[in-house]
């Protein structure tokens, strides 16, 4: 009886783990949360900027940029990430509606990875 219960628990754990990793967005932060993380990690005036976040489930092998401390980093990425693009939303600017920066946020932990711009 005890072995049957242990085997059932193992099967349940494996099943739950496979469902969690099957490509669903279970356990991932939202795009609005990723934008909030970028705004918190990179202080500045965001009144004339627009930020858009896109979930990338299969990210490129490496990303580069500046981390939260200002050091240049090249990171190897295996987990889903949010690619946050920063647009100039000042209508009197020559770069109006153009991408002027980017940032990467880990979609599982919500950690700011790096950014540039």
C-alpha atoms as a PDB file:
ATOM      1  CA  UNK A   1       0.000   0.000   0.000  1.00  0.00           C
ATOM      2  CA  UNK A   2       2.791   2.385   0.902  1.00  0.00           C
ATOM      3  CA  UNK A   3       4.622   1.760  -2.402  1.00  0.00           C
ATOM      4  CA  UNK A   4       1.430   2.449  -4.358  1.00  0.00           C
ATOM      5  CA  UNK A   5       1.011   5.831  -2.627  1.00  0.00           C
ATOM      6  CA  UNK A   6       4.653   6.764  -3.248  1.00  0.00           C
ATOM      7  CA  UNK A   7       4.389   5.732  -6.911  1.00  0.00           C
ATOM      8  CA  UNK A   8       1.182   7.773  -7.292  1.00  0.00           C
ATOM      9  CA  UNK A   9       2.905  10.807  -5.784  1.00  0.00           C
ATOM     10  CA  UNK A  10       5.852  10.469  -8.169  1.00  0.00           C
ATOM     11  CA  UNK A  11       3.516  10.204 -11.166  1.00  0.00           C
ATOM     12  CA  UNK A  12       1.586  13.269  -9.957  1.00  0.00           C
ATOM     13  CA  UNK A  13       4.799  15.297  -9.516  1.00  0.00           C
ATOM     14  CA  UNK A  14       6.060  14.354 -12.986  1.00  0.00           C
ATOM     15  CA  UNK A  15       2.673  15.188 -14.538  1.00  0.00           C
ATOM     16  CA  UNK A  16       2.450  18.586 -12.827  1.00  0.00           C
ATOM     17  CA  UNK A  17       6.031  19.385 -13.835  1.00  0.00           C
ATOM     18  CA  UNK A  18       5.411  18.498 -17.466  1.00  0.00           C
ATOM     19  CA  UNK A  19       2.237  20.612 -17.547  1.00  0.00           C
ATOM     20  CA  UNK A  20       4.089  23.579 -16.039  1.00  0.00           C
ATOM     21  CA  UNK A  21       6.840  23.345 -18.656  1.00  0.00           C
ATOM     22  CA  UNK A  22       4.640  22.545 -21.650  1.00  0.00           C
ATOM     23  CA  UNK A  23       4.657  26.074 -23.066  1.00  0.00           C
ATOM     24  CA  UNK A  24       1.825  27.567 -21.080  1.00  0.00           C
ATOM     25  CA  UNK A  25       2.331  30.934 -19.450  1.00  0.00           C
ATOM     26  CA  UNK A  26       1.789  29.469 -15.987  1.00  0.00           C
ATOM     27  CA  UNK A  27       4.285  30.938 -13.535  1.00  0.00           C
ATOM     28  CA  UNK A  28       5.369  33.815 -15.801  1.00  0.00           C
ATOM     29  CA  UNK A  29       5.039  37.476 -14.913  1.00  0.00           C
ATOM     30  CA  UNK A  30       2.787  39.734 -16.985  1.00  0.00           C
ATOM     31  CA  UNK A  31       4.008  42.235 -19.575  1.00  0.00           C
ATOM     32  CA  UNK A  32       2.848  45.152 -17.406  1.00  0.00           C
ATOM     33  CA  UNK A  33       4.907  43.749 -14.513  1.00  0.00           C
ATOM     34  CA  UNK A  34       7.951  43.539 -16.821  1.00  0.00           C
ATOM     35  CA  UNK A  35       7.497  47.212 -17.743  1.00  0.00           C
ATOM     36  CA  UNK A  36       7.250  48.149 -14.052  1.00  0.00           C
ATOM     37  CA  UNK A  37      10.491  46.246 -13.377  1.00  0.00           C
ATOM     38  CA  UNK A  38      12.280  48.165 -16.139  1.00  0.00           C
ATOM     39  CA  UNK A  39      11.014  51.506 -14.817  1.00  0.00           C
ATOM     40  CA  UNK A  40      12.147  50.568 -11.305  1.00  0.00           C
ATOM     41  CA  UNK A  41      15.574  49.302 -12.432  1.00  0.00           C
ATOM     42  CA  UNK A  42      16.360  52.215 -14.776  1.00  0.00           C
ATOM     43  CA  UNK A  43      15.343  55.469 -13.091  1.00  0.00           C
ATOM     44  CA  UNK A  44      14.324  58.363 -15.318  1.00  0.00           C
ATOM     45  CA  UNK A  45      11.500  60.476 -16.679  1.00  0.00           C
ATOM     46  CA  UNK A  46       9.098  58.174 -18.528  1.00  0.00           C
ATOM     47  CA  UNK A  47       6.456  60.842 -19.230  1.00  0.00           C
ATOM     48  CA  UNK A  48       7.453  61.181 -22.913  1.00  0.00           C
ATOM     49  CA  UNK A  49       8.368  57.568 -23.498  1.00  0.00           C
ATOM     50  CA  UNK A  50       6.256  54.536 -24.344  1.00  0.00           C
ATOM     51  CA  UNK A  51       7.268  51.035 -23.302  1.00  0.00           C
ATOM     52  CA  UNK A  52       6.031  47.816 -24.921  1.00  0.00           C
ATOM     53  CA  UNK A  53       6.900  44.332 -23.706  1.00  0.00           C
ATOM     54  CA  UNK A  54       6.831  41.149 -25.772  1.00  0.00           C
ATOM     55  CA  UNK A  55       7.179  37.653 -24.325  1.00  0.00           C
ATOM     56  CA  UNK A  56       9.836  35.563 -26.031  1.00  0.00           C
ATOM     57  CA  UNK A  57       9.425  31.924 -25.025  1.00  0.00           C
ATOM     58  CA  UNK A  58      12.487  30.750 -26.982  1.00  0.00           C
ATOM     59  CA  UNK A  59      15.016  33.569 -26.575  1.00  0.00           C
ATOM     60  CA  UNK A  60      18.232  33.967 -28.559  1.00  0.00           C
ATOM     61  CA  UNK A  61      21.239  32.215 -27.092  1.00  0.00           C
ATOM     62  CA  UNK A  62      22.894  35.378 -25.769  1.00  0.00           C
ATOM     63  CA  UNK A  63      21.885  38.950 -25.014  1.00  0.00           C
ATOM     64  CA  UNK A  64      24.127  41.943 -24.317  1.00  0.00           C
ATOM     65  CA  UNK A  65      23.686  45.300 -22.661  1.00  0.00           C
ATOM     66  CA  UNK A  66      24.188  47.123 -19.407  1.00  0.00           C
ATOM     67  CA  UNK A  67      23.049  45.553 -16.153  1.00  0.00           C
ATOM     68  CA  UNK A  68      21.394  47.492 -13.304  1.00  0.00           C
ATOM     69  CA  UNK A  69      24.834  48.520 -11.990  1.00  0.00           C
ATOM     70  CA  UNK A  70      25.965  49.954 -15.320  1.00  0.00           C
ATOM     71  CA  UNK A  71      28.409  47.187 -16.261  1.00  0.00           C
ATOM     72  CA  UNK A  72      28.473  45.759 -19.775  1.00  0.00           C
ATOM     73  CA  UNK A  73      27.291  42.148 -19.718  1.00  0.00           C
ATOM     74  CA  UNK A  74      26.719  39.314 -22.163  1.00  0.00           C
ATOM     75  CA  UNK A  75      24.255  36.800 -20.761  1.00  0.00           C
ATOM     76  CA  UNK A  76      23.384  33.287 -21.857  1.00  0.00           C
ATOM     77  CA  UNK A  77      19.615  32.908 -21.774  1.00  0.00           C
ATOM     78  CA  UNK A  78      17.621  29.655 -21.657  1.00  0.00           C
ATOM     79  CA  UNK A  79      14.364  30.679 -19.959  1.00  0.00           C
ATOM     80  CA  UNK A  80      11.513  32.827 -21.327  1.00  0.00           C
ATOM     81  CA  UNK A  81      12.201  36.572 -21.260  1.00  0.00           C
ATOM     82  CA  UNK A  82      10.371  39.817 -21.934  1.00  0.00           C
ATOM     83  CA  UNK A  83      11.919  42.086 -24.544  1.00  0.00           C
ATOM     84  CA  UNK A  84      10.883  45.610 -23.559  1.00  0.00           C
ATOM     85  CA  UNK A  85      11.204  48.264 -26.262  1.00  0.00           C
ATOM     86  CA  UNK A  86      11.361  51.963 -25.350  1.00  0.00           C
ATOM     87  CA  UNK A  87       9.819  54.365 -27.873  1.00  0.00           C
ATOM     88  CA  UNK A  88      10.299  58.148 -28.020  1.00  0.00           C
ATOM     89  CA  UNK A  89       6.783  59.548 -27.574  1.00  0.00           C
ATOM     90  CA  UNK A  90       7.701  63.263 -27.751  1.00  0.00           C
ATOM     91  CA  UNK A  91       5.933  64.628 -30.850  1.00  0.00           C
ATOM     92  CA  UNK A  92       8.438  67.473 -31.254  1.00  0.00           C
ATOM     93  CA  UNK A  93      11.432  65.125 -31.320  1.00  0.00           C
ATOM     94  CA  UNK A  94      13.213  63.991 -34.480  1.00  0.00           C
ATOM     95  CA  UNK A  95      13.060  60.399 -33.211  1.00  0.00           C
ATOM     96  CA  UNK A  96       9.301  60.468 -32.538  1.00  0.00           C
ATOM     97  CA  UNK A  97       7.805  56.941 -32.491  1.00  0.00           C
ATOM     98  CA  UNK A  98      11.220  55.336 -32.983  1.00  0.00           C
ATOM     99  CA  UNK A  99      12.830  52.763 -30.715  1.00  0.00           C
ATOM    100  CA  UNK A 100      15.458  54.486 -28.583  1.00  0.00           C
ATOM    101  CA  UNK A 101      16.192  51.691 -26.104  1.00  0.00           C
ATOM    102  CA  UNK A 102      15.562  48.123 -25.090  1.00  0.00           C
ATOM    103  CA  UNK A 103      15.640  45.988 -21.982  1.00  0.00           C
ATOM    104  CA  UNK A 104      15.413  42.299 -21.112  1.00  0.00           C
ATOM    105  CA  UNK A 105      13.507  40.936 -18.100  1.00  0.00           C
ATOM    106  CA  UNK A 106      13.444  37.305 -16.958  1.00  0.00           C
ATOM    107  CA  UNK A 107       9.817  36.194 -17.370  1.00  0.00           C
ATOM    108  CA  UNK A 108      10.036  33.566 -14.632  1.00  0.00           C
ATOM    109  CA  UNK A 109      11.818  35.395 -11.794  1.00  0.00           C
ATOM    110  CA  UNK A 110      10.992  38.970 -12.820  1.00  0.00           C
ATOM    111  CA  UNK A 111      14.663  39.970 -12.615  1.00  0.00           C
ATOM    112  CA  UNK A 112      16.001  42.819 -14.748  1.00  0.00           C
ATOM    113  CA  UNK A 113      18.712  41.269 -16.947  1.00  0.00           C
ATOM    114  CA  UNK A 114      20.133  44.111 -19.041  1.00  0.00           C
ATOM    115  CA  UNK A 115      19.289  47.022 -21.272  1.00  0.00           C
ATOM    116  CA  UNK A 116      20.738  49.455 -23.800  1.00  0.00           C
ATOM    117  CA  UNK A 117      19.833  52.688 -25.487  1.00  0.00           C
END
